[in-house]
C-alpha atoms as a PDB file:
ATOM      1  CA  MET A   1      -8.536 -17.290   7.299  1.00  0.00           C
ATOM      2  CA  VAL A   2     -11.050 -17.840   4.405  1.00  0.00           C
ATOM      3  CA  PRO A   3     -13.367 -21.001   4.275  1.00  0.00           C
ATOM      4  CA  VAL A   4     -13.454 -23.442   1.394  1.00  0.00           C
ATOM      5  CA  VAL A   5     -16.763 -24.269   0.675  1.00  0.00           C
ATOM      6  CA  LYS A   6     -17.666 -27.347  -1.669  1.00  0.00           C
ATOM      7  CA  GLY A   7     -19.522 -26.455  -4.819  1.00  0.00           C
ATOM      8  CA  PHE A   8     -18.518 -22.866  -4.658  1.00  0.00           C
ATOM      9  CA  GLU A   9     -15.610 -20.784  -6.229  1.00  0.00           C
ATOM     10  CA  PRO A  10     -12.883 -19.713  -3.881  1.00  0.00           C
ATOM     11  CA  ILE A  11     -13.497 -15.946  -3.063  1.00  0.00           C
ATOM     12  CA  GLN A  12     -11.297 -13.884  -5.007  1.00  0.00           C
ATOM     13  CA  PHE A  13      -9.603 -10.829  -3.444  1.00  0.00           C
ATOM     14  CA  GLU A  14      -8.407  -7.707  -5.243  1.00  0.00           C
ATOM     15  CA  THR A  15      -5.313  -6.129  -3.780  1.00  0.00           C
ATOM     16  CA  GLY A  16      -5.086  -2.666  -2.366  1.00  0.00           C
ATOM     17  CA  GLU A  17      -2.479  -2.038  -4.902  1.00  0.00           C
ATOM     18  CA  ALA A  18      -4.815  -3.094  -8.196  1.00  0.00           C
ATOM     19  CA  TRP A  19      -7.890  -1.253  -6.349  1.00  0.00           C
ATOM     20  CA  PHE A  20      -5.736   2.015  -6.161  1.00  0.00           C
ATOM     21  CA  GLY A  21      -4.638   1.433  -9.602  1.00  0.00           C
ATOM     22  CA  ARG A  22      -8.592   1.510 -10.911  1.00  0.00           C
ATOM     23  CA  GLN A  23      -9.041   5.032  -9.342  1.00  0.00           C
ATOM     24  CA  ILE A  24      -8.785   8.401 -11.239  1.00  0.00           C
ATOM     25  CA  PRO A  25      -5.942  10.397 -10.466  1.00  0.00           C
ATOM     26  CA  ALA A  26      -7.725  12.991  -8.340  1.00  0.00           C
ATOM     27  CA  VAL A  27      -8.612  10.226  -6.099  1.00  0.00           C
ATOM     28  CA  GLN A  28      -5.280   8.932  -5.736  1.00  0.00           C
ATOM     29  CA  ALA A  29      -3.719  12.153  -4.932  1.00  0.00           C
ATOM     30  CA  LYS A  30      -6.311  12.753  -2.502  1.00  0.00           C
ATOM     31  CA  MET A  31      -5.766   9.651  -0.790  1.00  0.00           C
ATOM     32  CA  MET A  32      -1.754   9.757  -0.716  1.00  0.00           C
ATOM     33  CA  GLY A  33      -1.328  13.511  -0.416  1.00  0.00           C
ATOM     34  CA  PRO A  34       0.432  15.784  -2.857  1.00  0.00           C
ATOM     35  CA  GLY A  35       3.928  15.049  -1.830  1.00  0.00           C
ATOM     36  CA  ARG A  36       3.539  11.297  -1.734  1.00  0.00           C
ATOM     37  CA  TYR A  37       1.462  11.408  -4.943  1.00  0.00           C
ATOM     38  CA  GLU A  38       3.767  13.354  -6.869  1.00  0.00           C
ATOM     39  CA  ALA A  39       6.953  11.360  -5.880  1.00  0.00           C
ATOM     40  CA  TRP A  40       4.921   8.067  -6.679  1.00  0.00           C
ATOM     41  CA  THR A  41       3.989   9.058 -10.101  1.00  0.00           C
ATOM     42  CA  LYS A  42       7.579  10.144 -10.648  1.00  0.00           C
ATOM     43  CA  GLY A  43       8.722   6.403  -9.620  1.00  0.00           C
ATOM     44  CA  GLU A  44      10.655   7.616  -6.933  1.00  0.00           C
ATOM     45  CA  PHE A  45       9.241   4.622  -4.579  1.00  0.00           C
ATOM     46  CA  GLU A  46       7.151   1.582  -5.111  1.00  0.00           C
ATOM     47  CA  PHE A  47       3.356   1.497  -4.078  1.00  0.00           C
ATOM     48  CA  ARG A  48       4.298  -1.491  -1.537  1.00  0.00           C
ATOM     49  CA  GLU A  49       6.851   0.974   0.114  1.00  0.00           C
ATOM     50  CA  LEU A  50       3.635   2.815   1.332  1.00  0.00           C
ATOM     51  CA  ALA A  51       3.165   0.820   4.198  1.00  0.00           C
ATOM     52  CA  THR A  52       6.128  -0.422   6.935  1.00  0.00           C
ATOM     53  CA  VAL A  53       5.959  -3.178   9.104  1.00  0.00           C
ATOM     54  CA  LYS A  54       7.433  -2.342  12.899  1.00  0.00           C
ATOM     55  CA  PRO A  55       8.062  -4.693  15.636  1.00  0.00           C
ATOM     56  CA  ASN A  56       6.414  -4.366  19.038  1.00  0.00           C
ATOM     57  CA  GLU A  57       7.725  -6.976  21.708  1.00  0.00           C
ATOM     58  CA  VAL A  58       4.106  -6.544  23.402  1.00  0.00           C
ATOM     59  CA  TRP A  59       1.518  -6.460  20.654  1.00  0.00           C
ATOM     60  CA  GLY A  60       3.524  -7.889  17.560  1.00  0.00           C
ATOM     61  CA  PRO A  61       4.036  -6.568  14.299  1.00  0.00           C
ATOM     62  CA  ARG A  62       2.198  -3.445  13.396  1.00  0.00           C
ATOM     63  CA  ALA A  63       1.812  -1.916  10.061  1.00  0.00           C
ATOM     64  CA  GLN A  64       2.018   2.123   9.506  1.00  0.00           C
ATOM     65  CA  VAL A  65       2.258   4.508   6.952  1.00  0.00           C
ATOM     66  CA  THR A  66       5.839   5.093   5.523  1.00  0.00           C
ATOM     67  CA  PRO A  67       6.848   8.827   6.155  1.00  0.00           C
ATOM     68  CA  LEU A  68       7.632  10.461   2.761  1.00  0.00           C
ATOM     69  CA  LYS A  69      11.062  11.344   3.986  1.00  0.00           C
ATOM     70  CA  ASP A  70      11.765   7.768   4.360  1.00  0.00           C
ATOM     71  CA  LEU A  71      10.167   6.901   1.021  1.00  0.00           C
ATOM     72  CA  LEU A  72      12.408   9.631  -0.952  1.00  0.00           C
ATOM     73  CA  SER A  73      15.584   8.394   1.045  1.00  0.00           C
ATOM     74  CA  THR A  74      15.391   4.625   0.198  1.00  0.00           C
ATOM     75  CA  GLY A  75      12.953   4.322  -2.914  1.00  0.00           C
ATOM     76  CA  ASN A  76      14.380   2.917  -6.403  1.00  0.00           C
ATOM     77  CA  GLN A  77      18.121   3.322  -5.364  1.00  0.00           C
END
């Protein structure tokens, strides 16, 4: 939750995808790793697919990095 304060502009947040898109290719490749970066630049999956939300009966949903094999088996098909 973000408070709204009279007299101030609402806070503007940048998405992770927008921030990542502003980085130089070397930084992008280092962050993703060579396999993910190569597949992403070839359009084999969408940026939003990099994270997967898994349910957990005790703790609730949790986000995790999507394995490369899963990205390649489901991306853009």
